[in-house]
């Protein structure tokens, strides 16, 4: 006969799973206490769904607060600080945006020593994207005539990225642009543009151009990216305005953050990624070396 295990009362009493065992009760209590202490972080932490929604809501309010600043922004040009490794940065805001909507980003860049410029490209930026790109072309020429470098970096949010991309691909901007950074840019279009079509209609050419498979986007997609331009895309995983798949473009360095559309110009995390892309590698090396402790 095969061996059998005889279960006695003592065996059952010694089973750690038994609810009457003091050690089992202690373990269970410890687990419950740890679970209770970690629950707020798990449910409300920065990486939690609720935490990300709360962050997105706060970023959205911050975006709107700066949006109402409009296009009248005063600044002192600091073109004397421009070098080939640190060219001026052109900020281009998106559809229904203003220069004020990127004010927080501009302020951070200036505080970190960057030379920043932006333009009034029309009330709420609703005109034909081609016209906006041509306007950018003319103003970039005027800026570079005042600097010791012949290059500029472009940082565009949402439709602003398309304006920069059209300038680079179709207006010879590749000869002027060192880096093109597009944040939440609908390179393949977005159905959210239907809101603009339904509310503004023929008053907003760009609303129609932003729709997927529009003639404008088909034209923009033709031909490869010109050489010599370092292209980056930063997309928001929780962006309902510009879904993640629509932000992709061949040859670009792509980064995704767990945020929403307006957070891209407000978030500290995104700002750090932008700085990492803008600064030349030796700048990062020098910063690390300065912070490294001395050794014998």
Foldseek 3Di string as FASTA:
>chain_A
DDDDDDDDPVNVVPPLVDPVDPVVVVVVVVVVVVCVVCVCCQCQNCPHPNVQVVVQVVLVVVLVVQQVVAADDDDDFDQVLADQQAHAEEEFEDAQGGPSSLVVLVVVCVVVPHGYDYHGQDHRPQEDLQVSLVVVVVVLVVSCVPHPDQAYAYEYAACGLVSVLCNQPPVVCLVHYQEREYELYQLQAFPLLVVVCVPVNPVGPVSQVRHGPHPNSVVSLPDDGDPNYAYEYEYECAENGRHPVRGDDPPHHYHYDPHYRSVCSPPPVNSVVVVVVSGDPVVVVVVVVVPDDDDD
